[in-house]
Amino acid sequence: MDEVLQSHTVYSNVSKGVLAKNSDLGKAFGHDDHTKICLEVKGKYLLYLCNLFFIIMIGLLLLLLLIDIGERGASSGWEREGFSVV
């Protein structure tokens, strides 16, 4: 974990160096163990990034599929009344 996190401390204001109160941590996370909280936040952040990456990849695949369909239609000269692929 030390390779990823530079600190095992939870701050309420990092720029001012104000540590989070144990009572606030208890309310938010159900405990006040700073290391456990850092691991929980890191895990949720990584899950968020994985989901975001997945959504982007699905969008890119859909875009490539639509481009391919458009190119195939345009190259075959496929046209129908009221609709043409350019």
C-alpha atoms as a PDB file:
ATOM      1  CA  MET A   1       0.000   0.000   0.000  1.00  0.00           C
ATOM      2  CA  ASP A   2       2.925   2.354   0.615  1.00  0.00           C
ATOM      3  CA  GLU A   3       3.685   2.397  -3.139  1.00  0.00           C
ATOM      4  CA  VAL A   4       0.256   3.940  -3.807  1.00  0.00           C
ATOM      5  CA  LEU A   5      -0.499   6.092  -0.782  1.00  0.00           C
ATOM      6  CA  GLN A   6       1.903   8.717   0.451  1.00  0.00           C
ATOM      7  CA  SER A   7       0.024   9.111   3.723  1.00  0.00           C
ATOM      8  CA  HIS A   8      -2.120   6.905   5.908  1.00  0.00           C
ATOM      9  CA  THR A   9      -3.757   9.953   7.442  1.00  0.00           C
ATOM     10  CA  VAL A  10      -7.193  11.363   6.642  1.00  0.00           C
ATOM     11  CA  TYR A  11      -7.436  15.142   6.425  1.00  0.00           C
ATOM     12  CA  SER A  12     -10.478  17.350   6.509  1.00  0.00           C
ATOM     13  CA  ASN A  13      -8.437  20.109   4.823  1.00  0.00           C
ATOM     14  CA  VAL A  14      -5.210  18.934   3.203  1.00  0.00           C
ATOM     15  CA  SER A  15      -3.945  22.349   2.115  1.00  0.00           C
ATOM     16  CA  LYS A  16      -4.152  23.646   5.708  1.00  0.00           C
ATOM     17  CA  GLY A  17      -2.968  20.353   7.226  1.00  0.00           C
ATOM     18  CA  VAL A  18      -6.125  19.907   9.315  1.00  0.00           C
ATOM     19  CA  LEU A  19      -6.680  16.277  10.319  1.00  0.00           C
ATOM     20  CA  ALA A  20     -10.159  14.801  10.201  1.00  0.00           C
ATOM     21  CA  LYS A  21     -11.770  14.375  13.608  1.00  0.00           C
ATOM     22  CA  ASN A  22     -12.214  10.801  14.776  1.00  0.00           C
ATOM     23  CA  SER A  23     -15.864  11.514  15.548  1.00  0.00           C
ATOM     24  CA  ASP A  24     -16.436  12.662  11.937  1.00  0.00           C
ATOM     25  CA  LEU A  25     -14.653   9.590  10.594  1.00  0.00           C
ATOM     26  CA  GLY A  26     -16.775   7.379  12.813  1.00  0.00           C
ATOM     27  CA  LYS A  27     -19.954   8.952  11.455  1.00  0.00           C
ATOM     28  CA  ALA A  28     -18.825   8.696   7.831  1.00  0.00           C
ATOM     29  CA  PHE A  29     -17.113   5.283   7.812  1.00  0.00           C
ATOM     30  CA  GLY A  30     -18.296   3.530  10.967  1.00  0.00           C
ATOM     31  CA  HIS A  31     -14.763   3.514  12.427  1.00  0.00           C
ATOM     32  CA  ASP A  32     -11.796   5.843  12.791  1.00  0.00           C
ATOM     33  CA  ASP A  33      -8.951   3.643  11.542  1.00  0.00           C
ATOM     34  CA  HIS A  34      -7.122   5.938   9.104  1.00  0.00           C
ATOM     35  CA  THR A  35      -5.361   3.122   7.230  1.00  0.00           C
ATOM     36  CA  LYS A  36      -8.606   1.191   6.715  1.00  0.00           C
ATOM     37  CA  ILE A  37     -10.353   4.357   5.517  1.00  0.00           C
ATOM     38  CA  CYS A  38      -7.539   5.068   3.042  1.00  0.00           C
ATOM     39  CA  LEU A  39      -7.854   1.520   1.674  1.00  0.00           C
ATOM     40  CA  GLU A  40     -11.656   1.843   1.385  1.00  0.00           C
ATOM     41  CA  VAL A  41     -11.399   5.138  -0.477  1.00  0.00           C
ATOM     42  CA  LYS A  42      -8.648   3.776  -2.740  1.00  0.00           C
ATOM     43  CA  GLY A  43     -10.763   0.708  -3.541  1.00  0.00           C
ATOM     44  CA  LYS A  44     -13.836   2.779  -4.391  1.00  0.00           C
ATOM     45  CA  TYR A  45     -11.764   5.143  -6.528  1.00  0.00           C
ATOM     46  CA  LEU A  46     -10.221   2.250  -8.465  1.00  0.00           C
ATOM     47  CA  LEU A  47     -13.683   0.754  -9.006  1.00  0.00           C
ATOM     48  CA  TYR A  48     -14.881   4.138 -10.297  1.00  0.00           C
ATOM     49  CA  LEU A  49     -11.919   4.347 -12.707  1.00  0.00           C
ATOM     50  CA  CYS A  50     -12.529   0.790 -13.961  1.00  0.00           C
ATOM     51  CA  ASN A  51     -16.193   1.569 -14.589  1.00  0.00           C
ATOM     52  CA  LEU A  52     -15.302   4.808 -16.366  1.00  0.00           C
ATOM     53  CA  PHE A  53     -12.759   2.997 -18.538  1.00  0.00           C
ATOM     54  CA  PHE A  54     -15.346   0.316 -19.387  1.00  0.00           C
ATOM     55  CA  ILE A  55     -17.920   2.949 -20.406  1.00  0.00           C
ATOM     56  CA  ILE A  56     -15.370   4.724 -22.615  1.00  0.00           C
ATOM     57  CA  MET A  57     -14.334   1.458 -24.275  1.00  0.00           C
ATOM     58  CA  ILE A  58     -17.967   0.492 -25.001  1.00  0.00           C
ATOM     59  CA  GLY A  59     -18.520   3.931 -26.555  1.00  0.00           C
ATOM     60  CA  LEU A  60     -15.421   3.585 -28.733  1.00  0.00           C
ATOM     61  CA  LEU A  61     -16.449   0.109 -29.877  1.00  0.00           C
ATOM     62  CA  LEU A  62     -19.908   1.383 -30.780  1.00  0.00           C
ATOM     63  CA  LEU A  63     -18.381   4.289 -32.695  1.00  0.00           C
ATOM     64  CA  LEU A  64     -16.054   1.956 -34.623  1.00  0.00           C
ATOM     65  CA  LEU A  65     -18.979  -0.339 -35.412  1.00  0.00           C
ATOM     66  CA  LEU A  66     -21.062   2.548 -36.740  1.00  0.00           C
ATOM     67  CA  ILE A  67     -18.150   3.827 -38.836  1.00  0.00           C
ATOM     68  CA  ASP A  68     -17.652   0.350 -40.283  1.00  0.00           C
ATOM     69  CA  ILE A  69     -21.353  -0.012 -41.090  1.00  0.00           C
ATOM     70  CA  GLY A  70     -21.351   3.417 -42.733  1.00  0.00           C
ATOM     71  CA  GLU A  71     -18.291   2.625 -44.824  1.00  0.00           C
ATOM     72  CA  ARG A  72     -19.689  -0.701 -45.979  1.00  0.00           C
ATOM     73  CA  GLY A  73     -22.969   0.911 -46.944  1.00  0.00           C
ATOM     74  CA  ALA A  74     -21.265   3.754 -48.787  1.00  0.00           C
ATOM     75  CA  SER A  75     -18.831   1.500 -50.631  1.00  0.00           C
ATOM     76  CA  SER A  76     -21.565  -0.843 -51.864  1.00  0.00           C
ATOM     77  CA  GLY A  77     -23.614   2.025 -53.253  1.00  0.00           C
ATOM     78  CA  TRP A  78     -26.526   1.044 -51.042  1.00  0.00           C
ATOM     79  CA  GLU A  79     -29.318   3.543 -51.426  1.00  0.00           C
ATOM     80  CA  ARG A  80     -32.997   3.489 -50.754  1.00  0.00           C
ATOM     81  CA  GLU A  81     -35.655   6.072 -51.478  1.00  0.00           C
ATOM     82  CA  GLY A  82     -35.472   8.786 -48.847  1.00  0.00           C
ATOM     83  CA  PHE A  83     -32.265   7.373 -47.393  1.00  0.00           C
ATOM     84  CA  SER A  84     -28.729   7.294 -48.640  1.00  0.00           C
ATOM     85  CA  VAL A  85     -25.395   6.682 -46.984  1.00  0.00           C
ATOM     86  CA  VAL A  86     -22.853   9.336 -47.884  1.00  0.00           C
END
